[in-house]
Amino acid sequence: MKVTAQVQRSEGWWAITVREVPGVFTQTRRLDQVPKMVTEAVRLMLEDPALDLEITVAPHTQWDELLEETALARAEAEAAAARAAQLTRNLAVALTEGGLTVRDAGHLLNVSPQRVSQLVG
């Protein structure tokens, strides 16, 4: 069964509700404890101690906008780093195939000659 744990901070606790199972309310001190608490609460409410649950934790905080912005910036940074790595590899190959030594290619790329060897190897 798939459920979403709606989580909101309340006086030092995380208050948890599960829309898919009306009447399920629980709380915990830490976000990493949410799946365990939801599992216990849903199994108890539905009187099925062996119920298999797939839980998505959806916290709502005053920082939601900043969290989303940060996640987007991290994803963009990872994509940029991957693109830079690919461009560096391509250029290292082009430079060495163009007749430059790994030492000269490293100087142009601002990496060590050993790194150039790894990139073209």
PDB file of N, CA and C in Angstrom:
ATOM      1  N   MET A   1       0.845  -1.176   0.000  1.00  0.00           N
ATOM      2  CA  MET A   1       0.000   0.000   0.000  1.00  0.00           C
ATOM      3  C   MET A   1       0.893   1.243   0.000  1.00  0.00           C
ATOM      4  N   LYS A   2       0.599   2.180  -0.882  1.00  0.00           N
ATOM      5  CA  LYS A   2       1.360   3.427  -0.948  1.00  0.00           C
ATOM      6  C   LYS A   2       0.630   4.507  -0.147  1.00  0.00           C
ATOM      7  N   VAL A   3       1.390   5.161   0.729  1.00  0.00           N
ATOM      8  CA  VAL A   3       0.820   6.260   1.513  1.00  0.00           C
ATOM      9  C   VAL A   3       1.801   7.424   1.551  1.00  0.00           C
ATOM     10  N   THR A   4       1.254   8.608   1.784  1.00  0.00           N
ATOM     11  CA  THR A   4       2.074   9.805   1.932  1.00  0.00           C
ATOM     12  C   THR A   4       1.900  10.334   3.340  1.00  0.00           C
ATOM     13  N   ALA A   5       3.029  10.497   4.024  1.00  0.00           N
ATOM     14  CA  ALA A   5       3.019  11.050   5.376  1.00  0.00           C
ATOM     15  C   ALA A   5       3.177  12.566   5.268  1.00  0.00           C
ATOM     16  N   GLN A   6       2.117  13.298   5.564  1.00  0.00           N
ATOM     17  CA  GLN A   6       2.168  14.758   5.590  1.00  0.00           C
ATOM     18  C   GLN A   6       2.733  15.145   6.960  1.00  0.00           C
ATOM     19  N   VAL A   7       3.857  15.858   6.956  1.00  0.00           N
ATOM     20  CA  VAL A   7       4.586  16.121   8.190  1.00  0.00           C
ATOM     21  C   VAL A   7       4.753  17.627   8.371  1.00  0.00           C
ATOM     22  N   GLN A   8       4.418  18.099   9.574  1.00  0.00           N
ATOM     23  CA  GLN A   8       4.549  19.520   9.864  1.00  0.00           C
ATOM     24  C   GLN A   8       5.089  19.696  11.287  1.00  0.00           C
ATOM     25  N   ARG A   9       5.972  20.675  11.441  1.00  0.00           N
ATOM     26  CA  ARG A   9       6.589  20.946  12.745  1.00  0.00           C
ATOM     27  C   ARG A   9       5.562  21.570  13.672  1.00  0.00           C
ATOM     28  N   SER A  10       5.511  21.083  14.923  1.00  0.00           N
ATOM     29  CA  SER A  10       4.564  21.601  15.902  1.00  0.00           C
ATOM     30  C   SER A  10       5.153  21.476  17.296  1.00  0.00           C
ATOM     31  N   GLU A  11       5.569  22.590  17.854  1.00  0.00           N
ATOM     32  CA  GLU A  11       6.076  22.661  19.230  1.00  0.00           C
ATOM     33  C   GLU A  11       7.141  21.609  19.538  1.00  0.00           C
ATOM     34  N   GLY A  12       8.157  21.540  18.697  1.00  0.00           N
ATOM     35  CA  GLY A  12       9.262  20.622  18.951  1.00  0.00           C
ATOM     36  C   GLY A  12       9.046  19.210  18.455  1.00  0.00           C
ATOM     37  N   TRP A  13       7.895  18.942  17.865  1.00  0.00           N
ATOM     38  CA  TRP A  13       7.580  17.617  17.338  1.00  0.00           C
ATOM     39  C   TRP A  13       7.251  17.732  15.865  1.00  0.00           C
ATOM     40  N   TRP A  14       7.313  16.613  15.165  1.00  0.00           N
ATOM     41  CA  TRP A  14       6.806  16.525  13.805  1.00  0.00           C
ATOM     42  C   TRP A  14       5.440  15.855  13.896  1.00  0.00           C
ATOM     43  N   ALA A  15       4.388  16.599  13.559  1.00  0.00           N
ATOM     44  CA  ALA A  15       3.025  16.067  13.551  1.00  0.00           C
ATOM     45  C   ALA A  15       2.788  15.396  12.203  1.00  0.00           C
ATOM     46  N   ILE A  16       2.239  14.189  12.225  1.00  0.00           N
ATOM     47  CA  ILE A  16       2.116  13.375  11.013  1.00  0.00           C
ATOM     48  C   ILE A  16       0.666  12.978  10.780  1.00  0.00           C
ATOM     49  N   THR A  17       0.201  13.171   9.547  1.00  0.00           N
ATOM     50  CA  THR A  17      -1.100  12.666   9.125  1.00  0.00           C
ATOM     51  C   THR A  17      -0.911  11.875   7.842  1.00  0.00           C
ATOM     52  N   VAL A  18      -1.840  10.945   7.609  1.00  0.00           N
ATOM     53  CA  VAL A  18      -1.794  10.114   6.413  1.00  0.00           C
ATOM     54  C   VAL A  18      -3.170  10.204   5.758  1.00  0.00           C
ATOM     55  N   ARG A  19      -3.251  10.942   4.641  1.00  0.00           N
ATOM     56  CA  ARG A  19      -4.539  11.158   3.971  1.00  0.00           C
ATOM     57  C   ARG A  19      -5.190   9.868   3.499  1.00  0.00           C
ATOM     58  N   GLU A  20      -4.379   8.917   3.064  1.00  0.00           N
ATOM     59  CA  GLU A  20      -4.926   7.681   2.514  1.00  0.00           C
ATOM     60  C   GLU A  20      -5.613   6.814   3.574  1.00  0.00           C
ATOM     61  N   VAL A  21      -5.305   7.080   4.833  1.00  0.00           N
ATOM     62  CA  VAL A  21      -5.921   6.316   5.917  1.00  0.00           C
ATOM     63  C   VAL A  21      -6.486   7.321   6.923  1.00  0.00           C
ATOM     64  N   PRO A  22      -7.739   7.724   6.740  1.00  0.00           N
ATOM     65  CA  PRO A  22      -8.339   8.716   7.637  1.00  0.00           C
ATOM     66  C   PRO A  22      -8.250   8.280   9.100  1.00  0.00           C
ATOM     67  N   GLY A  23      -7.922   9.251   9.941  1.00  0.00           N
ATOM     68  CA  GLY A  23      -7.828   8.975  11.371  1.00  0.00           C
ATOM     69  C   GLY A  23      -6.431   8.657  11.847  1.00  0.00           C
ATOM     70  N   VAL A  24      -5.495   8.519  10.940  1.00  0.00           N
ATOM     71  CA  VAL A  24      -4.113   8.234  11.350  1.00  0.00           C
ATOM     72  C   VAL A  24      -3.411   9.544  11.646  1.00  0.00           C
ATOM     73  N   PHE A  25      -3.080   9.707  12.903  1.00  0.00           N
ATOM     74  CA  PHE A  25      -2.304  10.848  13.375  1.00  0.00           C
ATOM     75  C   PHE A  25      -1.251  10.309  14.320  1.00  0.00           C
ATOM     76  N   THR A  26      -0.035  10.758  14.160  1.00  0.00           N
ATOM     77  CA  THR A  26       1.029  10.362  15.069  1.00  0.00           C
ATOM     78  C   THR A  26       2.053  11.473  15.102  1.00  0.00           C
ATOM     79  N   GLN A  27       3.109  11.305  15.865  1.00  0.00           N
ATOM     80  CA  GLN A  27       4.146  12.336  15.945  1.00  0.00           C
ATOM     81  C   GLN A  27       5.480  11.690  16.276  1.00  0.00           C
ATOM     82  N   THR A  28       6.529  12.443  15.994  1.00  0.00           N
ATOM     83  CA  THR A  28       7.871  11.983  16.306  1.00  0.00           C
ATOM     84  C   THR A  28       8.770  13.192  16.489  1.00  0.00           C
ATOM     85  N   ARG A  29       9.906  12.980  17.102  1.00  0.00           N
ATOM     86  CA  ARG A  29      10.860  14.075  17.323  1.00  0.00           C
ATOM     87  C   ARG A  29      11.719  14.350  16.089  1.00  0.00           C
ATOM     88  N   ARG A  30      11.995  13.278  15.320  1.00  0.00           N
ATOM     89  CA  ARG A  30      12.932  13.421  14.196  1.00  0.00           C
ATOM     90  C   ARG A  30      12.305  12.919  12.903  1.00  0.00           C
ATOM     91  N   LEU A  31      12.675  13.556  11.797  1.00  0.00           N
ATOM     92  CA  LEU A  31      12.147  13.160  10.494  1.00  0.00           C
ATOM     93  C   LEU A  31      12.524  11.735  10.110  1.00  0.00           C
ATOM     94  N   ASP A  32      13.709  11.279  10.502  1.00  0.00           N
ATOM     95  CA  ASP A  32      14.120   9.935  10.115  1.00  0.00           C
ATOM     96  C   ASP A  32      13.281   8.851  10.803  1.00  0.00           C
ATOM     97  N   GLN A  33      12.480   9.231  11.798  1.00  0.00           N
ATOM     98  CA  GLN A  33      11.631   8.272  12.498  1.00  0.00           C
ATOM     99  C   GLN A  33      10.220   8.195  11.911  1.00  0.00           C
ATOM    100  N   VAL A  34       9.922   9.062  10.946  1.00  0.00           N
ATOM    101  CA  VAL A  34       8.571   9.126  10.386  1.00  0.00           C
ATOM    102  C   VAL A  34       8.121   7.793   9.783  1.00  0.00           C
ATOM    103  N   PRO A  35       8.906   7.149   8.908  1.00  0.00           N
ATOM    104  CA  PRO A  35       8.416   5.885   8.323  1.00  0.00           C
ATOM    105  C   PRO A  35       8.038   4.831   9.356  1.00  0.00           C
ATOM    106  N   LYS A  36       8.836   4.701  10.396  1.00  0.00           N
ATOM    107  CA  LYS A  36       8.535   3.714  11.434  1.00  0.00           C
ATOM    108  C   LYS A  36       7.223   4.044  12.145  1.00  0.00           C
ATOM    109  N   MET A  37       7.050   5.318  12.490  1.00  0.00           N
ATOM    110  CA  MET A  37       5.838   5.723  13.200  1.00  0.00           C
ATOM    111  C   MET A  37       4.598   5.575  12.326  1.00  0.00           C
ATOM    112  N   VAL A  38       4.722   5.915  11.042  1.00  0.00           N
ATOM    113  CA  VAL A  38       3.593   5.776  10.127  1.00  0.00           C
ATOM    114  C   VAL A  38       3.238   4.302   9.948  1.00  0.00           C
ATOM    115  N   THR A  39       4.245   3.476   9.794  1.00  0.00           N
ATOM    116  CA  THR A  39       3.996   2.036   9.650  1.00  0.00           C
ATOM    117  C   THR A  39       3.224   1.506  10.850  1.00  0.00           C
ATOM    118  N   GLU A  40       3.692   1.847  12.050  1.00  0.00           N
ATOM    119  CA  GLU A  40       3.009   1.379  13.267  1.00  0.00           C
ATOM    120  C   GLU A  40       1.580   1.899  13.332  1.00  0.00           C
ATOM    121  N   ALA A  41       1.382   3.183  13.046  1.00  0.00           N
ATOM    122  CA  ALA A  41       0.053   3.789  13.161  1.00  0.00           C
ATOM    123  C   ALA A  41      -0.924   3.217  12.130  1.00  0.00           C
ATOM    124  N   VAL A  42      -0.482   3.067  10.880  1.00  0.00           N
ATOM    125  CA  VAL A  42      -1.367   2.540   9.838  1.00  0.00           C
ATOM    126  C   VAL A  42      -1.703   1.075  10.106  1.00  0.00           C
ATOM    127  N   ARG A  43      -0.719   0.284  10.475  1.00  0.00           N
ATOM    128  CA  ARG A  43      -0.986  -1.126  10.786  1.00  0.00           C
ATOM    129  C   ARG A  43      -1.969  -1.254  11.941  1.00  0.00           C
ATOM    130  N   LEU A  44      -1.815  -0.399  12.949  1.00  0.00           N
ATOM    131  CA  LEU A  44      -2.725  -0.428  14.093  1.00  0.00           C
ATOM    132  C   LEU A  44      -4.132  -0.017  13.676  1.00  0.00           C
ATOM    133  N   MET A  45      -4.246   1.078  12.904  1.00  0.00           N
ATOM    134  CA  MET A  45      -5.555   1.579  12.491  1.00  0.00           C
ATOM    135  C   MET A  45      -6.283   0.561  11.611  1.00  0.00           C
ATOM    136  N   LEU A  46      -5.539  -0.084  10.701  1.00  0.00           N
ATOM    137  CA  LEU A  46      -6.157  -1.045   9.785  1.00  0.00           C
ATOM    138  C   LEU A  46      -6.174  -2.470  10.338  1.00  0.00           C
ATOM    139  N   GLU A  47      -5.659  -2.627  11.542  1.00  0.00           N
ATOM    140  CA  GLU A  47      -5.632  -3.927  12.219  1.00  0.00           C
ATOM    141  C   GLU A  47      -5.004  -5.006  11.348  1.00  0.00           C
ATOM    142  N   ASP A  48      -3.865  -4.644  10.736  1.00  0.00           N
ATOM    143  CA  ASP A  48      -3.127  -5.580   9.878  1.00  0.00           C
ATOM    144  C   ASP A  48      -1.644  -5.452  10.206  1.00  0.00           C
ATOM    145  N   PRO A  49      -1.143  -6.259  11.158  1.00  0.00           N
ATOM    146  CA  PRO A  49       0.243  -6.122  11.602  1.00  0.00           C
ATOM    147  C   PRO A  49       1.292  -6.490  10.555  1.00  0.00           C
ATOM    148  N   ALA A  50       0.872  -7.111   9.450  1.00  0.00           N
ATOM    149  CA  ALA A  50       1.836  -7.513   8.425  1.00  0.00           C
ATOM    150  C   ALA A  50       1.723  -6.655   7.162  1.00  0.00           C
ATOM    151  N   LEU A  51       0.916  -5.604   7.210  1.00  0.00           N
ATOM    152  CA  LEU A  51       0.691  -4.760   6.041  1.00  0.00           C
ATOM    153  C   LEU A  51       1.999  -4.179   5.519  1.00  0.00           C
ATOM    154  N   ASP A  52       2.232  -4.343   4.206  1.00  0.00           N
ATOM    155  CA  ASP A  52       3.436  -3.815   3.565  1.00  0.00           C
ATOM    156  C   ASP A  52       3.131  -2.405   3.076  1.00  0.00           C
ATOM    157  N   LEU A  53       3.943  -1.439   3.511  1.00  0.00           N
ATOM    158  CA  LEU A  53       3.711  -0.042   3.157  1.00  0.00           C
ATOM    159  C   LEU A  53       4.876   0.551   2.382  1.00  0.00           C
ATOM    160  N   GLU A  54       4.544   1.390   1.409  1.00  0.00           N
ATOM    161  CA  GLU A  54       5.524   2.216   0.714  1.00  0.00           C
ATOM    162  C   GLU A  54       5.198   3.655   1.114  1.00  0.00           C
ATOM    163  N   ILE A  55       6.087   4.252   1.900  1.00  0.00           N
ATOM    164  CA  ILE A  55       5.798   5.551   2.510  1.00  0.00           C
ATOM    165  C   ILE A  55       6.613   6.659   1.860  1.00  0.00           C
ATOM    166  N   THR A  56       5.923   7.705   1.436  1.00  0.00           N
ATOM    167  CA  THR A  56       6.571   8.921   0.962  1.00  0.00           C
ATOM    168  C   THR A  56       6.404   9.959   2.071  1.00  0.00           C
ATOM    169  N   VAL A  57       7.514  10.538   2.500  1.00  0.00           N
ATOM    170  CA  VAL A  57       7.472  11.553   3.555  1.00  0.00           C
ATOM    171  C   VAL A  57       7.438  12.922   2.888  1.00  0.00           C
ATOM    172  N   ALA A  58       6.417  13.719   3.208  1.00  0.00           N
ATOM    173  CA  ALA A  58       6.243  15.046   2.615  1.00  0.00           C
ATOM    174  C   ALA A  58       6.237  16.100   3.719  1.00  0.00           C
ATOM    175  N   PRO A  59       7.418  16.572   4.114  1.00  0.00           N
ATOM    176  CA  PRO A  59       7.460  17.591   5.154  1.00  0.00           C
ATOM    177  C   PRO A  59       7.050  18.967   4.617  1.00  0.00           C
ATOM    178  N   HIS A  60       6.376  19.726   5.452  1.00  0.00           N
ATOM    179  CA  HIS A  60       5.991  21.092   5.119  1.00  0.00           C
ATOM    180  C   HIS A  60       6.567  21.994   6.198  1.00  0.00           C
ATOM    181  N   THR A  61       7.406  22.947   5.775  1.00  0.00           N
ATOM    182  CA  THR A  61       8.053  23.842   6.730  1.00  0.00           C
ATOM    183  C   THR A  61       7.988  25.270   6.222  1.00  0.00           C
ATOM    184  N   GLN A  62       8.421  26.178   7.053  1.00  0.00           N
ATOM    185  CA  GLN A  62       8.494  27.584   6.646  1.00  0.00           C
ATOM    186  C   GLN A  62       9.612  27.810   5.642  1.00  0.00           C
ATOM    187  N   TRP A  63      10.454  26.784   5.448  1.00  0.00           N
ATOM    188  CA  TRP A  63      11.602  26.896   4.550  1.00  0.00           C
ATOM    189  C   TRP A  63      11.385  26.157   3.234  1.00  0.00           C
ATOM    190  N   ASP A  64      10.156  25.757   2.925  1.00  0.00           N
ATOM    191  CA  ASP A  64       9.886  24.961   1.727  1.00  0.00           C
ATOM    192  C   ASP A  64      10.421  25.616   0.449  1.00  0.00           C
ATOM    193  N   GLU A  65      10.209  26.909   0.299  1.00  0.00           N
ATOM    194  CA  GLU A  65      10.662  27.605  -0.905  1.00  0.00           C
ATOM    195  C   GLU A  65      12.188  27.558  -1.025  1.00  0.00           C
ATOM    196  N   LEU A  66      12.876  27.801   0.097  1.00  0.00           N
ATOM    197  CA  LEU A  66      14.343  27.747   0.087  1.00  0.00           C
ATOM    198  C   LEU A  66      14.853  26.329  -0.150  1.00  0.00           C
ATOM    199  N   LEU A  67      14.162  25.340   0.393  1.00  0.00           N
ATOM    200  CA  LEU A  67      14.558  23.950   0.165  1.00  0.00           C
ATOM    201  C   LEU A  67      14.441  23.591  -1.313  1.00  0.00           C
ATOM    202  N   GLU A  68      13.350  24.013  -1.955  1.00  0.00           N
ATOM    203  CA  GLU A  68      13.173  23.746  -3.378  1.00  0.00           C
ATOM    204  C   GLU A  68      14.227  24.459  -4.209  1.00  0.00           C
ATOM    205  N   GLU A  69      14.500  25.719  -3.867  1.00  0.00           N
ATOM    206  CA  GLU A  69      15.514  26.493  -4.585  1.00  0.00           C
ATOM    207  C   GLU A  69      16.892  25.855  -4.441  1.00  0.00           C
ATOM    208  N   THR A  70      17.199  25.381  -3.239  1.00  0.00           N
ATOM    209  CA  THR A  70      18.484  24.732  -2.989  1.00  0.00           C
ATOM    210  C   THR A  70      18.595  23.428  -3.776  1.00  0.00           C
ATOM    211  N   ALA A  71      17.547  22.639  -3.784  1.00  0.00           N
ATOM    212  CA  ALA A  71      17.557  21.376  -4.531  1.00  0.00           C
ATOM    213  C   ALA A  71      17.758  21.641  -6.022  1.00  0.00           C
ATOM    214  N   LEU A  72      17.098  22.669  -6.546  1.00  0.00           N
ATOM    215  CA  LEU A  72      17.259  23.013  -7.959  1.00  0.00           C
ATOM    216  C   LEU A  72      18.693  23.454  -8.250  1.00  0.00           C
ATOM    217  N   ALA A  73      19.250  24.292  -7.380  1.00  0.00           N
ATOM    218  CA  ALA A  73      20.629  24.764  -7.569  1.00  0.00           C
ATOM    219  C   ALA A  73      21.610  23.601  -7.520  1.00  0.00           C
ATOM    220  N   ARG A  74      21.399  22.664  -6.620  1.00  0.00           N
ATOM    221  CA  ARG A  74      22.281  21.491  -6.542  1.00  0.00           C
ATOM    222  C   ARG A  74      22.197  20.657  -7.813  1.00  0.00           C
ATOM    223  N   ALA A  75      20.982  20.455  -8.318  1.00  0.00           N
ATOM    224  CA  ALA A  75      20.806  19.681  -9.546  1.00  0.00           C
ATOM    225  C   ALA A  75      21.484  20.381 -10.720  1.00  0.00           C
ATOM    226  N   GLU A  76      21.338  21.690 -10.790  1.00  0.00           N
ATOM    227  CA  GLU A  76      21.990  22.451 -11.862  1.00  0.00           C
ATOM    228  C   GLU A  76      23.511  22.370 -11.737  1.00  0.00           C
ATOM    229  N   ALA A  77      24.019  22.433 -10.510  1.00  0.00           N
ATOM    230  CA  ALA A  77      25.467  22.344 -10.289  1.00  0.00           C
ATOM    231  C   ALA A  77      25.996  20.971 -10.692  1.00  0.00           C
ATOM    232  N   GLU A  78      25.259  19.915 -10.363  1.00  0.00           N
ATOM    233  CA  GLU A  78      25.669  18.566 -10.746  1.00  0.00           C
ATOM    234  C   GLU A  78      25.685  18.415 -12.269  1.00  0.00           C
ATOM    235  N   ALA A  79      24.680  18.978 -12.935  1.00  0.00           N
ATOM    236  CA  ALA A  79      24.626  18.912 -14.393  1.00  0.00           C
ATOM    237  C   ALA A  79      25.789  19.695 -15.007  1.00  0.00           C
ATOM    238  N   ALA A  80      26.084  20.856 -14.442  1.00  0.00           N
ATOM    239  CA  ALA A  80      27.201  21.668 -14.942  1.00  0.00           C
ATOM    240  C   ALA A  80      28.528  20.952 -14.723  1.00  0.00           C
ATOM    241  N   ALA A  81      28.687  20.309 -13.580  1.00  0.00           N
ATOM    242  CA  ALA A  81      29.921  19.573 -13.305  1.00  0.00           C
ATOM    243  C   ALA A  81      30.082  18.410 -14.275  1.00  0.00           C
ATOM    244  N   ALA A  82      28.996  17.712 -14.568  1.00  0.00           N
ATOM    245  CA  ALA A  82      29.063  16.601 -15.513  1.00  0.00           C
ATOM    246  C   ALA A  82      29.424  17.107 -16.913  1.00  0.00           C
ATOM    247  N   ARG A  83      28.842  18.235 -17.300  1.00  0.00           N
ATOM    248  CA  ARG A  83      29.149  18.811 -18.616  1.00  0.00           C
ATOM    249  C   ARG A  83      30.610  19.250 -18.671  1.00  0.00           C
ATOM    250  N   ALA A  84      31.098  19.894 -17.609  1.00  0.00           N
ATOM    251  CA  ALA A  84      32.493  20.339 -17.566  1.00  0.00           C
ATOM    252  C   ALA A  84      33.439  19.147 -17.653  1.00  0.00           C
ATOM    253  N   ALA A  85      33.114  18.063 -16.968  1.00  0.00           N
ATOM    254  CA  ALA A  85      33.963  16.866 -17.005  1.00  0.00           C
ATOM    255  C   ALA A  85      34.009  16.289 -18.417  1.00  0.00           C
ATOM    256  N   GLN A  86      32.854  16.236 -19.080  1.00  0.00           N
ATOM    257  CA  GLN A  86      32.819  15.699 -20.435  1.00  0.00           C
ATOM    258  C   GLN A  86      33.600  16.593 -21.398  1.00  0.00           C
ATOM    259  N   LEU A  87      33.438  17.906 -21.284  1.00  0.00           N
ATOM    260  CA  LEU A  87      34.178  18.835 -22.132  1.00  0.00           C
ATOM    261  C   LEU A  87      35.681  18.723 -21.897  1.00  0.00           C
ATOM    262  N   THR A  88      36.075  18.555 -20.645  1.00  0.00           N
ATOM    263  CA  THR A  88      37.492  18.414 -20.312  1.00  0.00           C
ATOM    264  C   THR A  88      38.065  17.149 -20.941  1.00  0.00           C
ATOM    265  N   ARG A  89      37.321  16.034 -20.838  1.00  0.00           N
ATOM    266  CA  ARG A  89      37.759  14.784 -21.459  1.00  0.00           C
ATOM    267  C   ARG A  89      37.916  14.953 -22.972  1.00  0.00           C
ATOM    268  N   ASN A  90      36.888  15.547 -23.583  1.00  0.00           N
ATOM    269  CA  ASN A  90      36.923  15.739 -25.038  1.00  0.00           C
ATOM    270  C   ASN A  90      38.116  16.602 -25.454  1.00  0.00           C
ATOM    271  N   LEU A  91      38.357  17.673 -24.709  1.00  0.00           N
ATOM    272  CA  LEU A  91      39.458  18.563 -25.061  1.00  0.00           C
ATOM    273  C   LEU A  91      40.813  17.899 -24.813  1.00  0.00           C
ATOM    274  N   ALA A  92      40.929  17.128 -23.746  1.00  0.00           N
ATOM    275  CA  ALA A  92      42.182  16.419 -23.483  1.00  0.00           C
ATOM    276  C   ALA A  92      42.510  15.476 -24.637  1.00  0.00           C
ATOM    277  N   VAL A  93      41.508  14.772 -25.123  1.00  0.00           N
ATOM    278  CA  VAL A  93      41.706  13.874 -26.255  1.00  0.00           C
ATOM    279  C   VAL A  93      42.106  14.680 -27.491  1.00  0.00           C
ATOM    280  N   ALA A  94      41.386  15.767 -27.750  1.00  0.00           N
ATOM    281  CA  ALA A  94      41.681  16.575 -28.935  1.00  0.00           C
ATOM    282  C   ALA A  94      43.095  17.159 -28.881  1.00  0.00           C
ATOM    283  N   LEU A  95      43.498  17.628 -27.712  1.00  0.00           N
ATOM    284  CA  LEU A  95      44.835  18.219 -27.578  1.00  0.00           C
ATOM    285  C   LEU A  95      45.943  17.194 -27.799  1.00  0.00           C
ATOM    286  N   THR A  96      45.790  16.025 -27.185  1.00  0.00           N
ATOM    287  CA  THR A  96      46.837  15.003 -27.333  1.00  0.00           C
ATOM    288  C   THR A  96      46.833  14.409 -28.739  1.00  0.00           C
ATOM    289  N   GLU A  97      45.651  14.221 -29.323  1.00  0.00           N
ATOM    290  CA  GLU A  97      45.594  13.735 -30.706  1.00  0.00           C
ATOM    291  C   GLU A  97      46.120  14.791 -31.675  1.00  0.00           C
ATOM    292  N   GLY A  98      46.058  16.059 -31.257  1.00  0.00           N
ATOM    293  CA  GLY A  98      46.574  17.151 -32.077  1.00  0.00           C
ATOM    294  C   GLY A  98      48.073  17.327 -31.967  1.00  0.00           C
ATOM    295  N   GLY A  99      48.710  16.462 -31.175  1.00  0.00           N
ATOM    296  CA  GLY A  99      50.159  16.472 -31.119  1.00  0.00           C
ATOM    297  C   GLY A  99      50.767  17.086 -29.873  1.00  0.00           C
ATOM    298  N   LEU A 100      49.948  17.580 -28.961  1.00  0.00           N
ATOM    299  CA  LEU A 100      50.510  18.135 -27.729  1.00  0.00           C
ATOM    300  C   LEU A 100      50.906  17.019 -26.768  1.00  0.00           C
ATOM    301  N   THR A 101      51.912  17.292 -25.971  1.00  0.00           N
ATOM    302  CA  THR A 101      52.292  16.339 -24.924  1.00  0.00           C
ATOM    303  C   THR A 101      51.257  16.408 -23.813  1.00  0.00           C
ATOM    304  N   VAL A 102      51.217  15.368 -22.974  1.00  0.00           N
ATOM    305  CA  VAL A 102      50.289  15.400 -21.835  1.00  0.00           C
ATOM    306  C   VAL A 102      50.650  16.529 -20.884  1.00  0.00           C
ATOM    307  N   ARG A 103      51.935  16.882 -20.824  1.00  0.00           N
ATOM    308  CA  ARG A 103      52.368  17.988 -19.973  1.00  0.00           C
ATOM    309  C   ARG A 103      51.794  19.309 -20.492  1.00  0.00           C
ATOM    310  N   ASP A 104      51.891  19.556 -21.801  1.00  0.00           N
ATOM    311  CA  ASP A 104      51.350  20.786 -22.379  1.00  0.00           C
ATOM    312  C   ASP A 104      49.818  20.811 -22.292  1.00  0.00           C
ATOM    313  N   ALA A 105      49.197  19.673 -22.567  1.00  0.00           N
ATOM    314  CA  ALA A 105      47.739  19.589 -22.461  1.00  0.00           C
ATOM    315  C   ALA A 105      47.295  19.865 -21.026  1.00  0.00           C
ATOM    316  N   GLY A 106      48.020  19.300 -20.071  1.00  0.00           N
ATOM    317  CA  GLY A 106      47.713  19.549 -18.658  1.00  0.00           C
ATOM    318  C   GLY A 106      47.843  21.012 -18.309  1.00  0.00           C
ATOM    319  N   HIS A 107      48.863  21.659 -18.838  1.00  0.00           N
ATOM    320  CA  HIS A 107      49.060  23.086 -18.574  1.00  0.00           C
ATOM    321  C   HIS A 107      47.877  23.896 -19.117  1.00  0.00           C
ATOM    322  N   LEU A 108      47.456  23.596 -20.337  1.00  0.00           N
ATOM    323  CA  LEU A 108      46.320  24.305 -20.921  1.00  0.00           C
ATOM    324  C   LEU A 108      45.014  24.039 -20.168  1.00  0.00           C
ATOM    325  N   LEU A 109      44.851  22.813 -19.696  1.00  0.00           N
ATOM    326  CA  LEU A 109      43.620  22.429 -18.994  1.00  0.00           C
ATOM    327  C   LEU A 109      43.656  22.734 -17.497  1.00  0.00           C
ATOM    328  N   ASN A 110      44.852  23.140 -17.028  1.00  0.00           N
ATOM    329  CA  ASN A 110      45.035  23.411 -15.606  1.00  0.00           C
ATOM    330  C   ASN A 110      44.818  22.160 -14.752  1.00  0.00           C
ATOM    331  N   VAL A 111      45.328  21.031 -15.265  1.00  0.00           N
ATOM    332  CA  VAL A 111      45.327  19.771 -14.524  1.00  0.00           C
ATOM    333  C   VAL A 111      46.716  19.160 -14.661  1.00  0.00           C
ATOM    334  N   SER A 112      46.984  18.138 -13.881  1.00  0.00           N
ATOM    335  CA  SER A 112      48.302  17.505 -13.944  1.00  0.00           C
ATOM    336  C   SER A 112      48.441  16.664 -15.211  1.00  0.00           C
ATOM    337  N   PRO A 113      49.678  16.412 -15.635  1.00  0.00           N
ATOM    338  CA  PRO A 113      49.884  15.515 -16.783  1.00  0.00           C
ATOM    339  C   PRO A 113      49.297  14.119 -16.521  1.00  0.00           C
ATOM    340  N   GLN A 114      49.361  13.691 -15.263  1.00  0.00           N
ATOM    341  CA  GLN A 114      48.798  12.385 -14.907  1.00  0.00           C
ATOM    342  C   GLN A 114      47.284  12.369 -15.138  1.00  0.00           C
ATOM    343  N   ARG A 115      46.640  13.489 -14.814  1.00  0.00           N
ATOM    344  CA  ARG A 115      45.182  13.567 -15.017  1.00  0.00           C
ATOM    345  C   ARG A 115      44.854  13.532 -16.509  1.00  0.00           C
ATOM    346  N   VAL A 116      45.667  14.193 -17.316  1.00  0.00           N
ATOM    347  CA  VAL A 116      45.456  14.149 -18.762  1.00  0.00           C
ATOM    348  C   VAL A 116      45.558  12.702 -19.238  1.00  0.00           C
ATOM    349  N   SER A 117      46.552  11.979 -18.754  1.00  0.00           N
ATOM    350  CA  SER A 117      46.712  10.567 -19.133  1.00  0.00           C
ATOM    351  C   SER A 117      45.468   9.755 -18.756  1.00  0.00           C
ATOM    352  N   GLN A 118      44.917  10.040 -17.587  1.00  0.00           N
ATOM    353  CA  GLN A 118      43.700   9.334 -17.174  1.00  0.00           C
ATOM    354  C   GLN A 118      42.538   9.685 -18.096  1.00  0.00           C
ATOM    355  N   LEU A 119      42.425  10.958 -18.452  1.00  0.00           N
ATOM    356  CA  LEU A 119      41.308  11.399 -19.276  1.00  0.00           C
ATOM    357  C   LEU A 119      41.331  10.797 -20.677  1.00  0.00           C
ATOM    358  N   VAL A 120      42.534  10.659 -21.235  1.00  0.00           N
ATOM    359  CA  VAL A 120      42.621  10.152 -22.605  1.00  0.00           C
ATOM    360  C   VAL A 120      42.768   8.635 -22.648  1.00  0.00           C
ATOM    361  N   GLY A 121      43.034   8.021 -21.495  1.00  0.00           N
ATOM    362  CA  GLY A 121      43.256   6.573 -21.443  1.00  0.00           C
ATOM    363  C   GLY A 121      42.025   5.741 -21.528  1.00  0.00           C
TER     364      GLY A 121
END
